[in-house]
């Protein structure tokens, strides 16, 4: 009788573990989705017109920056691949078309805090010619 109870307990624990594994797998799939997938943005589409702040503190609408073909780089100060992207932006000729699709301007949108973003810009020596917006509340993801 004790063995049957032990077997039943092990079966319950196993079912619980398998169920939790399924929940964790689904959560990982969500995390693996790129920001563009979460935004439902595809290359060539217009970003949502939200009001953000420049890293200097002045408010700006995203649409005000799109007077010419613009690429938006959404980065996080704690993301190492984002650091590489920013380094490549800083190193390239800002008048060149990096993607070969008529882009004339690149705008960086940081989803980190202002202090973290400023620290990263200083650390990577990002030129002031690249506009940097701060979206600590992730408004661009919610739009």
Protein backbone atom coordinates (compact mmCIF):
# COMPACT_ATOMS: atom_id res chain seq x y z
CA UNK A 1 0.00 0.00 0.00
CA UNK A 2 2.83 2.39 0.88
CA UNK A 3 4.46 1.73 -2.50
CA UNK A 4 1.23 2.58 -4.32
CA UNK A 5 0.97 5.86 -2.39
CA UNK A 6 4.61 6.64 -3.19
CA UNK A 7 4.01 5.87 -6.87
CA UNK A 8 0.95 8.13 -6.87
CA UNK A 9 2.93 10.95 -5.23
CA UNK A 10 5.72 10.60 -7.80
CA UNK A 11 3.16 10.66 -10.63
CA UNK A 12 1.60 13.87 -9.27
CA UNK A 13 5.01 15.52 -8.97
CA UNK A 14 5.94 14.41 -12.50
CA UNK A 15 2.72 15.82 -13.97
CA UNK A 16 3.32 19.09 -12.12
CA UNK A 17 6.88 19.34 -13.43
CA UNK A 18 5.80 18.62 -17.01
CA UNK A 19 3.06 21.24 -16.78
CA UNK A 20 5.49 23.85 -15.45
CA UNK A 21 7.96 22.93 -18.19
CA UNK A 22 5.31 23.73 -20.80
CA UNK A 23 4.62 27.11 -19.20
CA UNK A 24 8.36 27.90 -19.10
CA UNK A 25 8.80 26.87 -22.73
CA UNK A 26 6.04 29.23 -23.81
CA UNK A 27 7.57 32.06 -21.76
CA UNK A 28 10.95 31.47 -23.43
CA UNK A 29 9.35 31.60 -26.88
CA UNK A 30 7.90 34.99 -25.98
CA UNK A 31 11.26 36.24 -24.74
CA UNK A 32 13.05 35.01 -27.87
CA UNK A 33 10.79 37.13 -30.07
CA UNK A 34 12.69 40.12 -31.40
CA UNK A 35 11.53 43.64 -30.53
CA UNK A 36 10.33 44.01 -34.13
CA UNK A 37 8.11 40.92 -33.72
CA UNK A 38 6.73 42.24 -30.45
CA UNK A 39 6.09 45.60 -32.08
CA UNK A 40 4.55 43.92 -35.10
CA UNK A 41 6.81 46.18 -37.14
CA UNK A 42 8.35 44.99 -40.34
CA UNK A 43 11.13 46.71 -42.29
CA UNK A 44 9.73 49.53 -44.36
CA UNK A 45 6.72 50.15 -42.10
CA UNK A 46 6.11 53.34 -40.15
CA UNK A 47 6.80 53.33 -36.42
CA UNK A 48 3.98 54.45 -34.11
CA UNK A 49 3.86 58.20 -33.49
CA UNK A 50 4.44 58.45 -29.77
CA UNK A 51 5.71 61.37 -27.72
CA UNK A 52 9.15 60.60 -26.28
CA UNK A 53 12.02 62.64 -24.89
CA UNK A 54 15.39 63.29 -26.42
CA UNK A 55 18.27 62.18 -24.22
CA UNK A 56 18.75 65.90 -23.44
CA UNK A 57 15.23 66.02 -21.95
CA UNK A 58 13.28 67.90 -24.62
CA UNK A 59 9.98 66.29 -25.72
CA UNK A 60 9.60 65.20 -29.33
CA UNK A 61 7.07 63.25 -31.38
CA UNK A 62 8.53 60.41 -33.41
CA UNK A 63 6.82 61.76 -36.53
CA UNK A 64 8.86 64.99 -36.24
CA UNK A 65 12.01 62.96 -36.91
CA UNK A 66 10.64 61.28 -40.04
CA UNK A 67 10.86 64.19 -42.48
CA UNK A 68 13.31 62.06 -44.46
CA UNK A 69 13.64 58.26 -44.76
CA UNK A 70 14.63 57.14 -41.26
CA UNK A 71 15.77 53.90 -39.63
CA UNK A 72 14.98 53.38 -35.95
CA UNK A 73 17.36 51.33 -33.81
CA UNK A 74 15.61 50.22 -30.61
CA UNK A 75 18.25 49.39 -28.01
CA UNK A 76 18.65 48.67 -24.32
CA UNK A 77 21.67 49.96 -22.35
CA UNK A 78 22.17 46.52 -20.77
CA UNK A 79 22.15 44.61 -24.07
CA UNK A 80 25.60 43.63 -25.41
CA UNK A 81 24.41 43.11 -29.03
CA UNK A 82 22.86 46.59 -28.81
CA UNK A 83 26.29 47.95 -27.83
CA UNK A 84 27.74 46.43 -31.02
CA UNK A 85 24.97 48.03 -33.09
CA UNK A 86 25.61 51.42 -31.53
CA UNK A 87 29.37 51.06 -32.09
CA UNK A 88 28.76 50.31 -35.76
CA UNK A 89 26.45 53.34 -36.03
CA UNK A 90 29.11 55.54 -34.43
CA UNK A 91 31.81 54.24 -36.78
CA UNK A 92 29.91 54.61 -40.05
CA UNK A 93 29.56 57.66 -42.24
CA UNK A 94 26.28 59.22 -41.06
CA UNK A 95 25.55 60.57 -44.54
CA UNK A 96 25.73 57.09 -46.11
CA UNK A 97 22.76 54.79 -46.64
CA UNK A 98 23.66 51.85 -44.35
CA UNK A 99 20.89 49.54 -45.52
CA UNK A 100 20.90 50.48 -49.20
CA UNK A 101 17.18 51.33 -49.12
CA UNK A 102 17.23 55.12 -49.16
CA UNK A 103 17.59 55.70 -45.41
CA UNK A 104 19.03 59.14 -44.76
CA UNK A 105 18.92 59.21 -40.97
CA UNK A 106 19.20 56.77 -38.08
CA UNK A 107 17.40 57.45 -34.79
CA UNK A 108 18.28 55.49 -31.67
CA UNK A 109 15.45 54.69 -29.23
CA UNK A 110 16.72 53.55 -25.83
CA UNK A 111 14.32 51.59 -23.62
CA UNK A 112 16.54 52.19 -20.59
CA UNK A 113 16.69 54.95 -18.01
CA UNK A 114 18.09 58.34 -19.02
CA UNK A 115 21.15 57.95 -16.77
CA UNK A 116 21.96 54.50 -18.19
CA UNK A 117 21.50 55.77 -21.74
CA UNK A 118 23.75 58.79 -21.17
CA UNK A 119 26.41 56.56 -19.63
CA UNK A 120 26.26 54.20 -22.61
CA UNK A 121 26.47 57.04 -25.14
CA UNK A 122 29.52 58.43 -23.37
CA UNK A 123 31.14 55.01 -23.03
CA UNK A 124 30.68 54.18 -26.73
CA UNK A 125 31.45 57.75 -27.90
CA UNK A 126 28.23 58.07 -29.93
CA UNK A 127 28.29 61.29 -31.99
CA UNK A 128 25.73 63.95 -31.15
CA UNK A 129 24.64 63.92 -34.81
CA UNK A 130 22.69 60.70 -34.12
CA UNK A 131 19.36 61.58 -32.46
CA UNK A 132 18.77 59.51 -29.30
CA UNK A 133 15.31 59.17 -27.75
CA UNK A 134 14.59 57.67 -24.34
CA UNK A 135 11.55 55.42 -23.92
CA UNK A 136 11.94 54.09 -20.36
CA UNK A 137 8.18 53.36 -20.17
CA UNK A 138 8.29 51.30 -23.43
CA UNK A 139 5.59 53.41 -25.07
CA UNK A 140 6.81 52.40 -28.51
CA UNK A 141 6.11 48.74 -27.64
CA UNK A 142 2.61 49.53 -26.37
CA UNK A 143 1.57 51.58 -29.39
